[in-house]
C-alpha cells in the first residue's frame, strides 16, 4: 500500500510509521489521519510485526490539527473540518490501545494538541531533549480532544492538566519527564539509536505475554477512553462553533494575539 503523507517501513519484526509532512510540522488533516489509521491496521494484522514505532520527520513529532485545513471551512461551517478529522483520530487512538503488541512513540521534536494525544496513547514514549510540549487547544479557542484530558489527567495529574488547559505553557523534555508524560529523554543525535534499542528489546520480548498484559491494562481504560472520546468530541465541536474559535483561528493565521470575548 502506498502513502502520501506518512512513511511506512517494515524492518523484520519492527514497523515504523513516520508522519511525513515536515513543512507543516506534521499537522493532522484528513488524509494523514486516514493514512496513520490504515498503517496501524496493517501493523495489527501482520503477525510478523512485533513492535510499532510512531515518530515524525523534520523538527516536529506532530503539531496537532492542521490550521490551514481548518481555514478552508472557516466561513462556511467551522465545525466541519473538526468533525471530519475527529473520526479517524479516534480510530487511531483506539487502534493504538487495542494493538496486541507494544507501540513506541519516538518524539523527535515539538508536539502539541492532538499530537500530544497520539503520543500519550502509545505504550512507551521516548523523546528528544529538544522536544517541546504544548496543550495548544485553548489558545485557539478550542477544547482538548482525542483523549487528551484523560491521558494528561492520568499521567501528569489533575492539577497539571488544569495548568495546561488554563495557562497553556510550553514544557521542555525534562519537565515532561518529571510529569510522567515520557519515559526517557535522549539527546537528538542519540535518539535514533535509543529508539532502535528499545524497539529491538520489545520485538525480542514475549509478544503474547505483552498482548495479554496490555489487554489487562485496557480493561478499565478502554471503557473510560471510549466515553471520554465522545465527551471531548461534543466539547470540541461546540467550541468550534464559538466566536472565540473564529477569533483564535484568525489571530493564529495573522500571527497576532487573539482577543477573546468569551462567546
C-alpha atoms as a PDB file:
ATOM      1  CA  UNK A   1       0.000   0.000   0.000  1.00  0.00           C
ATOM      2  CA  UNK A   2       1.360   3.419  -0.964  1.00  0.00           C
ATOM      3  CA  UNK A   3       1.097   6.503   1.223  1.00  0.00           C
ATOM      4  CA  UNK A   4       1.409  10.227   0.551  1.00  0.00           C
ATOM      5  CA  UNK A   5       1.799  11.850   3.969  1.00  0.00           C
ATOM      6  CA  UNK A   6       3.435   9.108   6.028  1.00  0.00           C
ATOM      7  CA  UNK A   7       6.381   6.789   5.584  1.00  0.00           C
ATOM      8  CA  UNK A   8       5.772   3.139   6.418  1.00  0.00           C
ATOM      9  CA  UNK A   9       8.780   0.885   6.912  1.00  0.00           C
ATOM     10  CA  UNK A  10       8.880  -2.739   7.989  1.00  0.00           C
ATOM     11  CA  UNK A  11      12.295  -3.948   9.110  1.00  0.00           C
ATOM     12  CA  UNK A  12      11.980  -7.530  10.245  1.00  0.00           C
ATOM     13  CA  UNK A  13       9.619  -7.523  13.214  1.00  0.00           C
ATOM     14  CA  UNK A  14       9.748  -3.734  13.679  1.00  0.00           C
ATOM     15  CA  UNK A  15       7.323  -1.448  11.842  1.00  0.00           C
ATOM     16  CA  UNK A  16       7.905   2.307  11.782  1.00  0.00           C
ATOM     17  CA  UNK A  17       5.220   4.842  10.946  1.00  0.00           C
ATOM     18  CA  UNK A  18       6.701   8.291  10.276  1.00  0.00           C
ATOM     19  CA  UNK A  19       4.459  11.311   9.955  1.00  0.00           C
ATOM     20  CA  UNK A  20       5.925  12.984   6.883  1.00  0.00           C
ATOM     21  CA  UNK A  21       4.595  16.497   6.452  1.00  0.00           C
ATOM     22  CA  UNK A  22       7.638  18.363   7.800  1.00  0.00           C
ATOM     23  CA  UNK A  23       6.701  21.681   6.167  1.00  0.00           C
ATOM     24  CA  UNK A  24       3.523  21.771   8.290  1.00  0.00           C
ATOM     25  CA  UNK A  25       5.206  20.251  11.367  1.00  0.00           C
ATOM     26  CA  UNK A  26       3.345  17.002  10.631  1.00  0.00           C
ATOM     27  CA  UNK A  27      -0.009  18.654  11.274  1.00  0.00           C
ATOM     28  CA  UNK A  28      -3.072  16.432  11.060  1.00  0.00           C
ATOM     29  CA  UNK A  29      -5.552  16.806   8.238  1.00  0.00           C
ATOM     30  CA  UNK A  30      -7.989  14.217   6.926  1.00  0.00           C
ATOM     31  CA  UNK A  31      -5.535  12.458   4.612  1.00  0.00           C
ATOM     32  CA  UNK A  32      -2.635  11.936   7.015  1.00  0.00           C
ATOM     33  CA  UNK A  33      -5.066  10.857   9.726  1.00  0.00           C
ATOM     34  CA  UNK A  34      -6.568   8.210   7.460  1.00  0.00           C
ATOM     35  CA  UNK A  35      -3.102   7.048   6.418  1.00  0.00           C
ATOM     36  CA  UNK A  36      -1.947   6.635  10.022  1.00  0.00           C
ATOM     37  CA  UNK A  37      -5.099   4.638  10.756  1.00  0.00           C
ATOM     38  CA  UNK A  38      -4.516   2.392   7.714  1.00  0.00           C
ATOM     39  CA  UNK A  39      -0.872   1.791   8.669  1.00  0.00           C
ATOM     40  CA  UNK A  40      -1.875   0.842  12.208  1.00  0.00           C
ATOM     41  CA  UNK A  41      -4.426  -1.627  10.849  1.00  0.00           C
ATOM     42  CA  UNK A  42      -1.667  -3.236   8.773  1.00  0.00           C
ATOM     43  CA  UNK A  43       0.547  -3.493  11.853  1.00  0.00           C
ATOM     44  CA  UNK A  44      -2.253  -5.037  13.886  1.00  0.00           C
ATOM     45  CA  UNK A  45      -2.987  -7.784  11.363  1.00  0.00           C
ATOM     46  CA  UNK A  46       0.609  -8.586  10.307  1.00  0.00           C
ATOM     47  CA  UNK A  47       1.835 -11.351  12.599  1.00  0.00           C
ATOM     48  CA  UNK A  48       5.460 -10.756  11.648  1.00  0.00           C
ATOM     49  CA  UNK A  49       5.325  -7.288  13.223  1.00  0.00           C
ATOM     50  CA  UNK A  50       6.039  -7.419  16.962  1.00  0.00           C
ATOM     51  CA  UNK A  51       6.515  -3.741  17.773  1.00  0.00           C
ATOM     52  CA  UNK A  52       5.302  -0.483  16.212  1.00  0.00           C
ATOM     53  CA  UNK A  53       7.254   2.786  16.289  1.00  0.00           C
ATOM     54  CA  UNK A  54       5.402   6.068  15.741  1.00  0.00           C
ATOM     55  CA  UNK A  55       7.534   9.144  15.005  1.00  0.00           C
ATOM     56  CA  UNK A  56       7.742  12.302  12.908  1.00  0.00           C
ATOM     57  CA  UNK A  57      10.027  13.784  10.268  1.00  0.00           C
ATOM     58  CA  UNK A  58      11.699  17.167  10.464  1.00  0.00           C
ATOM     59  CA  UNK A  59      11.555  19.397  13.536  1.00  0.00           C
ATOM     60  CA  UNK A  60       8.246  18.158  14.973  1.00  0.00           C
ATOM     61  CA  UNK A  61       6.600  14.954  16.085  1.00  0.00           C
ATOM     62  CA  UNK A  62       3.145  16.403  15.431  1.00  0.00           C
ATOM     63  CA  UNK A  63       1.856  19.934  15.978  1.00  0.00           C
ATOM     64  CA  UNK A  64      -1.792  18.864  16.186  1.00  0.00           C
ATOM     65  CA  UNK A  65      -4.613  19.733  13.814  1.00  0.00           C
ATOM     66  CA  UNK A  66      -3.759  21.414  10.520  1.00  0.00           C
ATOM     67  CA  UNK A  67      -4.945  25.009  10.875  1.00  0.00           C
ATOM     68  CA  UNK A  68      -4.736  25.585   7.111  1.00  0.00           C
ATOM     69  CA  UNK A  69      -7.138  22.696   6.609  1.00  0.00           C
ATOM     70  CA  UNK A  70      -9.477  24.211   9.207  1.00  0.00           C
ATOM     71  CA  UNK A  71      -9.228  27.608   7.498  1.00  0.00           C
ATOM     72  CA  UNK A  72     -10.877  26.257   4.340  1.00  0.00           C
ATOM     73  CA  UNK A  73     -14.158  25.909   6.243  1.00  0.00           C
ATOM     74  CA  UNK A  74     -13.875  28.980   8.458  1.00  0.00           C
ATOM     75  CA  UNK A  75     -16.645  30.959   6.740  1.00  0.00           C
ATOM     76  CA  UNK A  76     -18.991  28.121   5.815  1.00  0.00           C
ATOM     77  CA  UNK A  77     -19.008  25.593   8.685  1.00  0.00           C
ATOM     78  CA  UNK A  78     -16.026  25.851  11.062  1.00  0.00           C
ATOM     79  CA  UNK A  79     -17.095  22.666  12.850  1.00  0.00           C
ATOM     80  CA  UNK A  80     -16.928  20.573   9.667  1.00  0.00           C
ATOM     81  CA  UNK A  81     -13.140  20.021   9.439  1.00  0.00           C
ATOM     82  CA  UNK A  82     -13.055  19.218  13.164  1.00  0.00           C
ATOM     83  CA  UNK A  83     -15.823  16.680  12.663  1.00  0.00           C
ATOM     84  CA  UNK A  84     -14.065  15.113   9.665  1.00  0.00           C
ATOM     85  CA  UNK A  85     -10.681  14.738  11.351  1.00  0.00           C
ATOM     86  CA  UNK A  86     -12.000  13.504  14.688  1.00  0.00           C
ATOM     87  CA  UNK A  87     -13.402  10.265  13.285  1.00  0.00           C
ATOM     88  CA  UNK A  88     -10.066   8.832  12.029  1.00  0.00           C
ATOM     89  CA  UNK A  89      -8.184  10.290  15.010  1.00  0.00           C
ATOM     90  CA  UNK A  90     -10.486   8.496  17.439  1.00  0.00           C
ATOM     91  CA  UNK A  91      -9.981   5.285  15.494  1.00  0.00           C
ATOM     92  CA  UNK A  92      -6.200   5.818  15.617  1.00  0.00           C
ATOM     93  CA  UNK A  93      -6.199   6.151  19.399  1.00  0.00           C
ATOM     94  CA  UNK A  94      -8.396   3.087  19.831  1.00  0.00           C
ATOM     95  CA  UNK A  95      -6.257   1.144  17.344  1.00  0.00           C
ATOM     96  CA  UNK A  96      -3.117   2.007  19.328  1.00  0.00           C
ATOM     97  CA  UNK A  97      -4.690   0.839  22.564  1.00  0.00           C
ATOM     98  CA  UNK A  98      -6.134  -2.337  21.019  1.00  0.00           C
ATOM     99  CA  UNK A  99      -2.901  -3.167  19.191  1.00  0.00           C
ATOM    100  CA  UNK A 100      -1.814  -6.609  20.525  1.00  0.00           C
ATOM    101  CA  UNK A 101       1.821  -5.509  20.511  1.00  0.00           C
ATOM    102  CA  UNK A 102       3.767  -2.577  22.013  1.00  0.00           C
ATOM    103  CA  UNK A 103       3.551   0.848  20.368  1.00  0.00           C
ATOM    104  CA  UNK A 104       6.541   3.122  20.990  1.00  0.00           C
ATOM    105  CA  UNK A 105       6.251   6.874  20.399  1.00  0.00           C
ATOM    106  CA  UNK A 106       9.600   8.407  19.455  1.00  0.00           C
ATOM    107  CA  UNK A 107       9.003  12.116  19.980  1.00  0.00           C
ATOM    108  CA  UNK A 108      11.648  13.682  17.772  1.00  0.00           C
ATOM    109  CA  UNK A 109      10.572  17.319  18.236  1.00  0.00           C
ATOM    110  CA  UNK A 110       7.738  19.640  19.139  1.00  0.00           C
ATOM    111  CA  UNK A 111       4.366  18.154  19.969  1.00  0.00           C
ATOM    112  CA  UNK A 112       1.049  19.864  20.636  1.00  0.00           C
ATOM    113  CA  UNK A 113      -2.713  19.465  20.626  1.00  0.00           C
ATOM    114  CA  UNK A 114      -3.871  16.199  19.093  1.00  0.00           C
ATOM    115  CA  UNK A 115      -0.218  15.302  18.535  1.00  0.00           C
ATOM    116  CA  UNK A 116       0.109  15.016  22.307  1.00  0.00           C
ATOM    117  CA  UNK A 117      -2.943  12.777  22.389  1.00  0.00           C
ATOM    118  CA  UNK A 118      -1.417  10.403  19.821  1.00  0.00           C
ATOM    119  CA  UNK A 119       1.894  10.223  21.693  1.00  0.00           C
ATOM    120  CA  UNK A 120       0.280   9.704  25.088  1.00  0.00           C
ATOM    121  CA  UNK A 121      -1.941   6.910  23.756  1.00  0.00           C
ATOM    122  CA  UNK A 122       1.193   4.872  22.989  1.00  0.00           C
ATOM    123  CA  UNK A 123       2.563   2.318  25.453  1.00  0.00           C
ATOM    124  CA  UNK A 124       6.006   3.900  25.793  1.00  0.00           C
ATOM    125  CA  UNK A 125       7.370   7.348  24.971  1.00  0.00           C
ATOM    126  CA  UNK A 126      10.977   8.229  24.221  1.00  0.00           C
ATOM    127  CA  UNK A 127      11.725  11.847  23.376  1.00  0.00           C
ATOM    128  CA  UNK A 128      14.452  14.153  22.162  1.00  0.00           C
ATOM    129  CA  UNK A 129      15.919  16.580  24.680  1.00  0.00           C
ATOM    130  CA  UNK A 130      14.908  19.334  22.256  1.00  0.00           C
ATOM    131  CA  UNK A 131      11.222  18.351  22.259  1.00  0.00           C
ATOM    132  CA  UNK A 132       8.637  20.874  23.428  1.00  0.00           C
ATOM    133  CA  UNK A 133       5.132  20.101  24.683  1.00  0.00           C
ATOM    134  CA  UNK A 134       2.120  22.431  24.423  1.00  0.00           C
ATOM    135  CA  UNK A 135      -1.591  21.859  25.017  1.00  0.00           C
ATOM    136  CA  UNK A 136      -2.476  24.476  22.327  1.00  0.00           C
ATOM    137  CA  UNK A 137      -6.248  23.902  22.050  1.00  0.00           C
ATOM    138  CA  UNK A 138      -7.499  26.635  24.358  1.00  0.00           C
ATOM    139  CA  UNK A 139      -5.144  29.250  22.911  1.00  0.00           C
ATOM    140  CA  UNK A 140      -7.020  28.729  19.645  1.00  0.00           C
ATOM    141  CA  UNK A 141     -10.462  28.878  21.245  1.00  0.00           C
ATOM    142  CA  UNK A 142     -10.973  25.108  21.075  1.00  0.00           C
ATOM    143  CA  UNK A 143     -11.112  22.386  23.734  1.00  0.00           C
ATOM    144  CA  UNK A 144      -8.885  19.299  24.134  1.00  0.00           C
ATOM    145  CA  UNK A 145      -9.875  16.191  22.208  1.00  0.00           C
ATOM    146  CA  UNK A 146      -8.696  12.688  21.182  1.00  0.00           C
ATOM    147  CA  UNK A 147      -8.496  11.644  24.826  1.00  0.00           C
ATOM    148  CA  UNK A 148      -6.137  14.478  25.822  1.00  0.00           C
ATOM    149  CA  UNK A 149      -7.989  15.219  29.081  1.00  0.00           C
ATOM    150  CA  UNK A 150      -7.811  11.600  30.163  1.00  0.00           C
ATOM    151  CA  UNK A 151      -4.203  10.967  29.149  1.00  0.00           C
ATOM    152  CA  UNK A 152      -2.806  14.086  30.817  1.00  0.00           C
ATOM    153  CA  UNK A 153      -5.061  13.723  33.850  1.00  0.00           C
ATOM    154  CA  UNK A 154      -3.901  10.142  34.417  1.00  0.00           C
ATOM    155  CA  UNK A 155      -0.213  10.657  33.651  1.00  0.00           C
ATOM    156  CA  UNK A 156       0.518  14.146  34.958  1.00  0.00           C
ATOM    157  CA  UNK A 157      -2.340  14.618  37.420  1.00  0.00           C
ATOM    158  CA  UNK A 158      -5.424  16.818  37.628  1.00  0.00           C
ATOM    159  CA  UNK A 159      -3.575  19.914  38.833  1.00  0.00           C
ATOM    160  CA  UNK A 160      -1.046  19.819  35.997  1.00  0.00           C
ATOM    161  CA  UNK A 161      -3.803  19.168  33.431  1.00  0.00           C
ATOM    162  CA  UNK A 162      -5.650  22.223  34.737  1.00  0.00           C
ATOM    163  CA  UNK A 163      -2.488  24.298  34.439  1.00  0.00           C
ATOM    164  CA  UNK A 164      -2.085  23.242  30.822  1.00  0.00           C
ATOM    165  CA  UNK A 165      -5.711  23.987  29.942  1.00  0.00           C
ATOM    166  CA  UNK A 166      -5.915  27.414  31.562  1.00  0.00           C
ATOM    167  CA  UNK A 167      -2.365  28.759  31.109  1.00  0.00           C
ATOM    168  CA  UNK A 168      -1.164  26.724  28.100  1.00  0.00           C
ATOM    169  CA  UNK A 169       2.557  26.828  28.974  1.00  0.00           C
ATOM    170  CA  UNK A 170       5.285  25.250  26.893  1.00  0.00           C
ATOM    171  CA  UNK A 171       7.146  22.429  28.669  1.00  0.00           C
ATOM    172  CA  UNK A 172      10.574  21.133  27.776  1.00  0.00           C
ATOM    173  CA  UNK A 173      11.586  17.484  27.646  1.00  0.00           C
ATOM    174  CA  UNK A 174      12.893  17.321  31.202  1.00  0.00           C
ATOM    175  CA  UNK A 175       9.663  18.820  32.541  1.00  0.00           C
ATOM    176  CA  UNK A 176       7.674  16.298  30.512  1.00  0.00           C
ATOM    177  CA  UNK A 177       9.819  13.517  32.007  1.00  0.00           C
ATOM    178  CA  UNK A 178       9.260  14.798  35.544  1.00  0.00           C
ATOM    179  CA  UNK A 179       5.489  14.902  34.942  1.00  0.00           C
ATOM    180  CA  UNK A 180       5.402  11.339  33.657  1.00  0.00           C
ATOM    181  CA  UNK A 181       4.452  12.275  30.102  1.00  0.00           C
ATOM    182  CA  UNK A 182       7.524  10.494  28.704  1.00  0.00           C
ATOM    183  CA  UNK A 183       9.640   7.596  29.931  1.00  0.00           C
ATOM    184  CA  UNK A 184      13.097   8.658  28.768  1.00  0.00           C
ATOM    185  CA  UNK A 185      14.868  11.665  27.243  1.00  0.00           C
ATOM    186  CA  UNK A 186      17.781  11.345  24.816  1.00  0.00           C
ATOM    187  CA  UNK A 187      19.993  13.851  23.036  1.00  0.00           C
ATOM    188  CA  UNK A 188      18.861  14.402  19.419  1.00  0.00           C
ATOM    189  CA  UNK A 189      21.910  12.642  17.994  1.00  0.00           C
ATOM    190  CA  UNK A 190      21.325   9.677  20.319  1.00  0.00           C
ATOM    191  CA  UNK A 191      17.583   9.373  19.791  1.00  0.00           C
ATOM    192  CA  UNK A 192      17.644   7.044  16.726  1.00  0.00           C
ATOM    193  CA  UNK A 193      19.951   4.580  18.470  1.00  0.00           C
ATOM    194  CA  UNK A 194      17.943   4.728  21.704  1.00  0.00           C
ATOM    195  CA  UNK A 195      14.749   4.100  19.725  1.00  0.00           C
ATOM    196  CA  UNK A 196      16.365   1.179  17.895  1.00  0.00           C
ATOM    197  CA  UNK A 197      17.484  -0.413  21.155  1.00  0.00           C
ATOM    198  CA  UNK A 198      14.046  -0.103  22.731  1.00  0.00           C
ATOM    199  CA  UNK A 199      12.311  -1.389  19.602  1.00  0.00           C
ATOM    200  CA  UNK A 200      14.633  -4.385  19.339  1.00  0.00           C
ATOM    201  CA  UNK A 201      14.160  -5.211  23.012  1.00  0.00           C
ATOM    202  CA  UNK A 202      10.388  -5.064  22.636  1.00  0.00           C
ATOM    203  CA  UNK A 203      10.490  -7.116  19.441  1.00  0.00           C
ATOM    204  CA  UNK A 204      12.547  -9.793  21.215  1.00  0.00           C
ATOM    205  CA  UNK A 205      10.129  -9.925  24.136  1.00  0.00           C
ATOM    206  CA  UNK A 206       7.270 -12.300  24.878  1.00  0.00           C
ATOM    207  CA  UNK A 207       4.803 -10.901  22.367  1.00  0.00           C
ATOM    208  CA  UNK A 208       1.826 -12.939  23.556  1.00  0.00           C
ATOM    209  CA  UNK A 209       2.569 -12.040  27.158  1.00  0.00           C
ATOM    210  CA  UNK A 210       2.748  -8.368  26.162  1.00  0.00           C
ATOM    211  CA  UNK A 211      -0.607  -8.651  24.392  1.00  0.00           C
ATOM    212  CA  UNK A 212      -2.301 -10.211  27.427  1.00  0.00           C
ATOM    213  CA  UNK A 213      -0.761  -7.674  29.822  1.00  0.00           C
ATOM    214  CA  UNK A 214      -1.815  -4.786  27.563  1.00  0.00           C
ATOM    215  CA  UNK A 215      -5.338  -6.190  27.341  1.00  0.00           C
ATOM    216  CA  UNK A 216      -5.425  -6.374  31.141  1.00  0.00           C
ATOM    217  CA  UNK A 217      -4.353  -2.737  31.401  1.00  0.00           C
ATOM    218  CA  UNK A 218      -7.015  -1.831  28.860  1.00  0.00           C
ATOM    219  CA  UNK A 219      -9.929  -3.463  30.677  1.00  0.00           C
ATOM    220  CA  UNK A 220     -10.804  -0.393  32.711  1.00  0.00           C
ATOM    221  CA  UNK A 221      -9.031   2.121  30.489  1.00  0.00           C
ATOM    222  CA  UNK A 222     -10.901   1.418  27.248  1.00  0.00           C
ATOM    223  CA  UNK A 223     -14.339   1.913  28.772  1.00  0.00           C
ATOM    224  CA  UNK A 224     -13.186   5.219  30.197  1.00  0.00           C
ATOM    225  CA  UNK A 225     -11.450   6.181  26.940  1.00  0.00           C
ATOM    226  CA  UNK A 226     -14.465   5.488  24.733  1.00  0.00           C
ATOM    227  CA  UNK A 227     -16.674   7.582  26.996  1.00  0.00           C
ATOM    228  CA  UNK A 228     -14.086  10.355  27.166  1.00  0.00           C
ATOM    229  CA  UNK A 229     -13.674  10.457  23.387  1.00  0.00           C
ATOM    230  CA  UNK A 230     -17.386  11.095  22.972  1.00  0.00           C
ATOM    231  CA  UNK A 231     -17.424  13.755  25.709  1.00  0.00           C
ATOM    232  CA  UNK A 232     -14.465  15.518  24.106  1.00  0.00           C
ATOM    233  CA  UNK A 233     -15.950  15.176  20.615  1.00  0.00           C
ATOM    234  CA  UNK A 234     -19.071  17.030  21.718  1.00  0.00           C
ATOM    235  CA  UNK A 235     -16.972  19.617  23.542  1.00  0.00           C
ATOM    236  CA  UNK A 236     -14.601  20.451  20.699  1.00  0.00           C
ATOM    237  CA  UNK A 237     -17.460  20.630  18.186  1.00  0.00           C
ATOM    238  CA  UNK A 238     -19.257  23.061  20.478  1.00  0.00           C
ATOM    239  CA  UNK A 239     -16.084  25.138  20.854  1.00  0.00           C
ATOM    240  CA  UNK A 240     -15.521  25.131  17.077  1.00  0.00           C
ATOM    241  CA  UNK A 241     -18.844  26.927  16.608  1.00  0.00           C
ATOM    242  CA  UNK A 242     -17.903  29.729  19.026  1.00  0.00           C
ATOM    243  CA  UNK A 243     -16.908  33.311  18.197  1.00  0.00           C
ATOM    244  CA  UNK A 244     -13.752  32.784  20.239  1.00  0.00           C
ATOM    245  CA  UNK A 245     -12.630  29.990  17.901  1.00  0.00           C
ATOM    246  CA  UNK A 246     -13.159  32.246  14.887  1.00  0.00           C
ATOM    247  CA  UNK A 247     -11.055  34.893  16.624  1.00  0.00           C
ATOM    248  CA  UNK A 248      -8.392  32.367  17.651  1.00  0.00           C
ATOM    249  CA  UNK A 249      -8.157  30.995  14.125  1.00  0.00           C
ATOM    250  CA  UNK A 250      -7.890  34.463  12.584  1.00  0.00           C
ATOM    251  CA  UNK A 251      -5.273  35.527  15.130  1.00  0.00           C
ATOM    252  CA  UNK A 252      -3.203  32.391  14.521  1.00  0.00           C
ATOM    253  CA  UNK A 253      -3.224  32.868  10.762  1.00  0.00           C
ATOM    254  CA  UNK A 254      -2.349  36.557  11.055  1.00  0.00           C
ATOM    255  CA  UNK A 255       0.279  35.880  13.743  1.00  0.00           C
ATOM    256  CA  UNK A 256      -1.276  38.269  16.250  1.00  0.00           C
ATOM    257  CA  UNK A 257      -2.540  37.958  19.813  1.00  0.00           C
ATOM    258  CA  UNK A 258      -6.199  36.852  19.995  1.00  0.00           C
ATOM    259  CA  UNK A 259      -8.823  38.986  21.672  1.00  0.00           C
ATOM    260  CA  UNK A 260     -11.326  36.562  23.179  1.00  0.00           C
ATOM    261  CA  UNK A 261     -14.755  37.829  24.255  1.00  0.00           C
ATOM    262  CA  UNK A 262     -15.909  34.615  25.925  1.00  0.00           C
ATOM    263  CA  UNK A 263     -18.628  33.845  23.387  1.00  0.00           C
END
